[in-house]
Amino acid sequence: MIAHSGKRAARKRFKQNAPLLIMFIPVILFYLIFKYAPMVGAVIAFKDYNFFDGVFRSPWVGLDNFYKLFDNPNTVMIIRNTLLLSLLHIFVGFPFPIALAILFHEVRRMWFKRIVQTLVYLPHFFSWVIVGGIVVAIFGIEGTINRWLDGIADEPVPFLYNEASWISIFIGSGIWKDMGFNAIIYMAAMSAIDPSLYESANIDGAGKWKQTIHITLPGIAPTMVLLFILSMGRVMEVGFDQVFILQNAAVKDVSEVISTYIYRVGLQGAQFSLTTAMGLFESVVSFILLVTVNGIARRYQRGLF
């Protein structure tokens, strides 16, 4: 009798959730078609791939592509650049959307809040072609800043042709583009914090700073940990569009990353097996980092899985 009632309750829940499950089907198909099915192509990393034989009939070469990849002295440089730019973007850029969300949370003038939110969110919807054009217009040899410096400096400052300034501009432009959109997630987390906590803290004499430290930040800590874990899982991925648009020959030693290497050597040079090996290496390292960071977070009951 109990088992029968349990099955009936399960069928009832299924009927109630059927519209939601149907809406979820496109998401499942997207991941199956564009994320999981292409994993079959990873076997190219262990083959001498050619168009005539195809993926499955090309001859096996074992780990030769990996040996060839790591015998190349440029490989270490490419991995170093990828890690450097990615880690700088994560650790330097991570606090900005949090700070922005806290500032929005404290704004009481709704008209002002809406205007500023729109202005800050807008760059996220620009393509990197547009953002790259803005960056060049500002920091280029004939850009806005060099025009301001005209008469002060003896010659234009090559911001985009100096390695240190290029890295700063690269990180800064990435933060400017995405921090407004990322702040939405933290604002949603802040909306779940009990307002009575702020009222009690205010009665006890706690100012805005102490309320932020002792109420807001602990309240959004699970969201912060979740996003940090996910960002560490993408530590080997540096956006191709941003790097490709902003890089130039003068800063190639710091701007050549895995994604641009795969494009240049794999697509333009037709060395598909070699770049597949690089992509597989990137995925394995990202997986290890994701599991490691999640394992550390689980010790503090903050793990993703």
Protein backbone atom coordinates (compact mmCIF):
# COMPACT_ATOMS: atom_id res chain seq x y z
CA MET A 1 0.00 0.00 0.00
CA ILE A 2 2.80 2.38 0.93
CA ALA A 3 4.74 1.49 -2.23
CA HIS A 4 1.65 2.06 -4.37
CA SER A 5 1.02 5.48 -2.83
CA GLY A 6 4.69 6.38 -3.35
CA LYS A 7 4.49 5.54 -7.06
CA ARG A 8 1.28 7.52 -7.38
CA ALA A 9 2.94 10.54 -5.71
CA ALA A 10 5.93 10.20 -8.05
CA ARG A 11 3.67 10.15 -11.12
CA LYS A 12 1.84 13.20 -9.80
CA ARG A 13 5.10 15.09 -9.31
CA PHE A 14 6.21 14.08 -12.80
CA LYS A 15 2.99 15.42 -14.35
CA GLN A 16 3.34 18.65 -12.39
CA ASN A 17 6.95 19.11 -13.51
CA ALA A 18 6.43 17.90 -17.10
CA PRO A 19 6.38 21.46 -18.59
CA LEU A 20 9.67 22.26 -16.84
CA LEU A 21 11.24 19.01 -18.04
CA ILE A 22 10.14 19.74 -21.62
CA MET A 23 11.71 23.21 -21.38
CA PHE A 24 14.93 21.54 -20.19
CA ILE A 25 15.19 19.30 -23.27
CA PRO A 26 16.90 21.95 -25.48
CA VAL A 27 19.56 22.43 -22.78
CA ILE A 28 20.22 18.69 -22.67
CA LEU A 29 20.41 18.51 -26.47
CA PHE A 30 22.80 21.48 -26.55
CA TYR A 31 25.25 19.81 -24.19
CA LEU A 32 24.93 16.42 -25.87
CA ILE A 33 25.50 17.79 -29.38
CA PHE A 34 28.01 20.58 -28.78
CA LYS A 35 29.81 19.47 -25.61
CA TYR A 36 29.79 15.67 -25.25
CA ALA A 37 29.64 14.46 -28.88
CA PRO A 38 32.80 16.44 -29.90
CA MET A 39 34.72 14.59 -27.16
CA VAL A 40 34.96 11.67 -29.59
CA GLY A 41 37.34 13.80 -31.62
CA ALA A 42 39.84 13.75 -28.75
CA VAL A 43 41.21 10.50 -30.21
CA ILE A 44 42.90 12.66 -32.87
CA ALA A 45 45.47 13.55 -30.22
CA PHE A 46 46.70 9.94 -30.40
CA LYS A 47 46.62 9.65 -34.20
CA ASP A 48 48.34 11.03 -37.27
CA TYR A 49 45.12 12.56 -38.53
CA ASN A 50 44.46 13.22 -42.20
CA PHE A 51 41.31 14.12 -44.11
CA PHE A 52 41.44 11.08 -46.39
CA ASP A 53 41.35 8.47 -43.58
CA GLY A 54 39.17 10.49 -41.23
CA VAL A 55 39.01 10.40 -37.44
CA PHE A 56 38.66 6.66 -36.95
CA ARG A 57 40.83 5.26 -39.77
CA SER A 58 43.85 7.56 -39.33
CA PRO A 59 46.91 5.65 -38.05
CA TRP A 60 47.59 5.51 -34.31
CA VAL A 61 50.80 7.14 -33.08
CA GLY A 62 50.25 6.80 -29.32
CA LEU A 63 51.81 9.64 -27.33
CA ASP A 64 54.02 10.91 -30.17
CA ASN A 65 52.00 14.11 -30.51
CA PHE A 66 52.47 14.88 -26.82
CA TYR A 67 56.22 14.21 -27.05
CA LYS A 68 56.44 16.48 -30.08
CA LEU A 69 54.35 19.13 -28.33
CA PHE A 70 56.50 19.31 -25.20
CA ASP A 71 59.75 19.08 -27.14
CA ASN A 72 58.81 22.44 -28.64
CA PRO A 73 60.40 25.21 -26.48
CA ASN A 74 57.46 27.51 -27.27
CA THR A 75 55.02 25.17 -25.50
CA VAL A 76 56.28 26.14 -22.04
CA MET A 77 55.93 29.82 -22.94
CA ILE A 78 52.38 29.32 -24.22
CA ILE A 79 51.29 27.44 -21.07
CA ARG A 80 52.98 30.05 -18.88
CA ASN A 81 51.21 32.90 -20.68
CA THR A 82 47.87 31.12 -20.44
CA LEU A 83 48.24 30.53 -16.69
CA LEU A 84 49.56 34.03 -16.04
CA LEU A 85 46.78 35.87 -17.88
CA SER A 86 44.06 33.59 -16.56
CA LEU A 87 45.17 33.73 -12.91
CA LEU A 88 45.61 37.50 -13.08
CA HIS A 89 42.12 37.84 -14.50
CA ILE A 90 40.68 35.60 -11.76
CA PHE A 91 42.45 37.05 -8.73
CA VAL A 92 42.57 40.69 -9.81
CA GLY A 93 39.11 40.73 -11.34
CA PHE A 94 37.30 38.58 -8.75
CA PRO A 95 36.68 41.35 -6.15
CA PHE A 96 35.33 43.93 -8.64
CA PRO A 97 31.82 42.48 -9.26
CA ILE A 98 31.50 41.82 -5.51
CA ALA A 99 32.36 45.43 -4.66
CA LEU A 100 30.05 46.68 -7.42
CA ALA A 101 27.16 44.53 -6.16
CA ILE A 102 27.68 45.81 -2.60
CA LEU A 103 27.61 49.42 -3.83
CA PHE A 104 24.41 48.78 -5.80
CA HIS A 105 22.91 47.09 -2.74
CA GLU A 106 23.45 50.26 -0.70
CA VAL A 107 22.00 52.67 -3.28
CA ARG A 108 18.57 53.95 -2.27
CA ARG A 109 17.80 56.22 -5.23
CA MET A 110 16.23 53.75 -7.67
CA TRP A 111 16.44 56.05 -10.71
CA PHE A 112 20.16 56.54 -10.13
CA LYS A 113 20.65 52.81 -9.53
CA ARG A 114 18.90 51.88 -12.80
CA ILE A 115 20.94 54.35 -14.86
CA VAL A 116 24.28 53.23 -13.39
CA GLN A 117 23.35 49.55 -13.70
CA THR A 118 22.51 49.99 -17.37
CA LEU A 119 25.79 51.78 -18.07
CA VAL A 120 27.83 49.15 -16.20
CA TYR A 121 26.01 46.13 -17.70
CA LEU A 122 26.18 47.43 -21.27
CA PRO A 123 29.83 46.43 -22.07
CA HIS A 124 28.98 42.76 -21.50
CA PHE A 125 26.79 42.81 -24.61
CA PHE A 126 29.51 44.33 -26.80
CA SER A 127 31.56 41.92 -28.89
CA TRP A 128 35.32 41.93 -28.40
CA VAL A 129 35.65 43.52 -31.83
CA ILE A 130 33.89 46.61 -30.48
CA VAL A 131 35.70 46.53 -27.13
CA GLY A 132 39.04 46.03 -28.88
CA GLY A 133 38.32 49.04 -31.07
CA ILE A 134 37.56 51.12 -27.98
CA VAL A 135 40.79 49.96 -26.31
CA VAL A 136 42.86 50.83 -29.39
CA ALA A 137 41.11 54.21 -29.69
CA ILE A 138 42.07 54.99 -26.09
CA PHE A 139 45.54 53.43 -25.74
CA GLY A 140 46.83 53.40 -29.32
CA ILE A 141 49.77 55.46 -30.56
CA GLU A 142 47.31 58.04 -31.86
CA GLY A 143 44.73 57.29 -29.18
CA THR A 144 43.00 59.54 -26.70
CA ILE A 145 45.59 59.24 -23.92
CA ASN A 146 48.52 59.98 -26.20
CA ARG A 147 46.69 63.02 -27.50
CA TRP A 148 46.29 64.23 -23.92
CA LEU A 149 50.00 63.61 -23.36
CA ASP A 150 50.94 65.49 -26.52
CA GLY A 151 53.23 68.32 -25.47
CA ILE A 152 54.03 66.68 -22.12
CA ALA A 153 55.79 63.55 -23.36
CA ASP A 154 58.53 63.74 -25.97
CA GLU A 155 56.99 60.90 -27.95
CA PRO A 156 53.81 58.78 -27.86
CA VAL A 157 53.70 56.09 -25.18
CA PRO A 158 53.35 52.61 -26.79
CA PHE A 159 50.87 51.19 -24.28
CA LEU A 160 49.83 48.31 -26.54
CA TYR A 161 53.40 47.50 -27.59
CA ASN A 162 54.92 47.22 -24.12
CA GLU A 163 54.52 43.85 -22.42
CA ALA A 164 53.77 45.14 -18.90
CA SER A 165 51.25 47.77 -20.03
CA TRP A 166 49.66 45.31 -22.50
CA ILE A 167 48.97 42.84 -19.69
CA SER A 168 47.45 45.62 -17.56
CA ILE A 169 45.23 46.76 -20.43
CA PHE A 170 44.26 43.15 -21.19
CA ILE A 171 43.19 42.47 -17.60
CA GLY A 172 41.52 45.87 -17.20
CA SER A 173 39.47 45.57 -20.39
CA GLY A 174 38.27 42.10 -19.34
CA ILE A 175 37.19 43.38 -15.94
CA TRP A 176 35.44 46.40 -17.46
CA LYS A 177 33.52 44.22 -19.91
CA ASP A 178 32.25 41.56 -17.51
CA MET A 179 32.10 42.96 -13.98
CA GLY A 180 28.66 44.56 -14.40
CA PHE A 181 27.04 41.37 -15.61
CA ASN A 182 28.79 39.23 -12.97
CA ALA A 183 27.55 41.60 -10.26
CA ILE A 184 23.98 40.48 -11.03
CA ILE A 185 24.70 37.08 -9.48
CA TYR A 186 25.95 38.62 -6.24
CA MET A 187 23.01 41.03 -6.11
CA ALA A 188 20.66 38.06 -6.39
CA ALA A 189 22.50 36.39 -3.49
CA MET A 190 22.24 39.58 -1.41
CA SER A 191 18.49 39.71 -1.94
CA ALA A 192 18.22 36.44 0.01
CA ILE A 193 19.87 37.92 3.13
CA ASP A 194 17.36 38.55 5.95
CA PRO A 195 16.82 42.36 6.24
CA SER A 196 16.29 41.95 9.99
CA LEU A 197 20.02 41.21 10.33
CA TYR A 198 20.85 44.69 9.05
CA GLU A 199 18.21 46.23 11.30
CA SER A 200 19.60 44.46 14.36
CA ALA A 201 23.15 45.45 13.45
CA ASN A 202 22.06 49.07 12.98
CA ILE A 203 20.39 49.10 16.42
CA ASP A 204 23.60 47.72 17.94
CA GLY A 205 25.52 50.62 16.39
CA ALA A 206 27.22 48.80 13.50
CA GLY A 207 28.00 51.07 10.56
CA LYS A 208 27.82 50.17 6.88
CA TRP A 209 31.37 48.85 6.83
CA LYS A 210 30.81 46.45 9.73
CA GLN A 211 27.46 45.37 8.28
CA THR A 212 29.21 44.56 5.01
CA ILE A 213 31.99 42.60 6.74
CA HIS A 214 29.82 40.65 9.19
CA ILE A 215 26.52 40.26 7.31
CA THR A 216 26.80 40.86 3.55
CA LEU A 217 30.03 39.01 2.82
CA PRO A 218 29.17 35.93 4.94
CA GLY A 219 25.71 35.94 3.33
CA ILE A 220 27.13 35.74 -0.19
CA ALA A 221 30.11 33.54 0.73
CA PRO A 222 28.58 30.34 -0.77
CA THR A 223 28.03 32.16 -4.08
CA MET A 224 31.56 33.53 -3.99
CA VAL A 225 33.02 30.06 -3.42
CA LEU A 226 30.85 28.54 -6.15
CA LEU A 227 31.92 31.11 -8.74
CA PHE A 228 35.55 30.83 -7.68
CA ILE A 229 35.47 27.04 -8.13
CA LEU A 230 33.92 27.43 -11.59
CA SER A 231 36.47 30.08 -12.56
CA MET A 232 39.34 27.81 -11.50
CA GLY A 233 37.89 25.13 -13.77
CA ARG A 234 38.44 27.56 -16.66
CA VAL A 235 41.92 28.64 -15.58
CA MET A 236 43.50 27.18 -18.74
CA GLU A 237 40.99 28.96 -20.97
CA VAL A 238 41.84 32.52 -21.96
CA GLY A 239 39.26 34.01 -24.28
CA PHE A 240 40.43 33.71 -27.87
CA ASP A 241 38.58 36.81 -29.07
CA GLN A 242 40.13 39.16 -26.53
CA VAL A 243 43.69 37.94 -27.02
CA PHE A 244 43.47 37.70 -30.81
CA ILE A 245 42.11 41.24 -31.19
CA LEU A 246 44.50 42.92 -28.74
CA GLN A 247 47.73 41.02 -29.45
CA ASN A 248 50.47 42.17 -31.81
CA ALA A 249 53.96 41.00 -32.78
CA ALA A 250 55.67 43.23 -30.20
CA VAL A 251 54.00 41.48 -27.26
CA LYS A 252 53.82 37.96 -28.68
CA ASP A 253 56.02 36.62 -25.88
CA VAL A 254 53.25 37.36 -23.34
CA SER A 255 50.14 37.22 -25.54
CA GLU A 256 50.51 33.85 -27.26
CA VAL A 257 48.15 31.50 -25.38
CA ILE A 258 46.70 28.04 -25.97
CA SER A 259 43.62 29.26 -27.85
CA THR A 260 45.61 31.41 -30.29
CA TYR A 261 48.20 28.61 -30.70
CA ILE A 262 45.44 26.15 -31.62
CA TYR A 263 44.05 28.62 -34.16
CA ARG A 264 47.41 29.46 -35.69
CA VAL A 265 48.94 25.96 -35.76
CA GLY A 266 45.80 23.83 -35.95
CA LEU A 267 43.53 25.74 -38.32
CA GLN A 268 46.03 27.81 -40.27
CA GLY A 269 48.84 25.23 -40.20
CA ALA A 270 46.56 22.16 -40.50
CA GLN A 271 48.38 20.32 -37.66
CA PHE A 272 45.18 18.97 -36.17
CA SER A 273 46.67 16.13 -34.15
CA LEU A 274 49.23 18.37 -32.45
CA THR A 275 46.71 21.04 -31.43
CA THR A 276 44.19 18.41 -30.31
CA ALA A 277 46.88 17.11 -27.97
CA MET A 278 47.32 20.63 -26.64
CA GLY A 279 43.56 21.01 -26.18
CA LEU A 280 43.35 17.65 -24.38
CA PHE A 281 46.20 18.66 -22.08
CA GLU A 282 44.36 21.93 -21.35
CA SER A 283 41.16 20.06 -20.45
CA VAL A 284 42.94 17.58 -18.17
CA VAL A 285 44.73 20.36 -16.25
CA SER A 286 41.45 22.30 -15.89
CA PHE A 287 39.71 19.16 -14.59
CA ILE A 288 42.46 18.54 -12.02
CA LEU A 289 42.33 22.14 -10.81
CA LEU A 290 38.54 22.05 -10.57
CA VAL A 291 38.54 18.85 -8.50
CA THR A 292 41.39 20.14 -6.29
CA VAL A 293 39.74 23.48 -5.50
CA ASN A 294 36.39 21.80 -4.91
CA GLY A 295 38.06 19.30 -2.55
CA ILE A 296 39.54 22.17 -0.54
CA ALA A 297 36.14 23.91 -0.43
CA ARG A 298 34.44 20.69 0.75
CA ARG A 299 36.57 20.68 3.86
CA TYR A 300 34.80 23.91 4.80
CA GLN A 301 31.35 22.64 3.70
CA ARG A 302 31.42 24.90 0.64
CA GLY A 303 32.02 22.35 -2.13
CA LEU A 304 30.25 22.37 -5.46
CA PHE A 305 29.97 18.56 -5.59
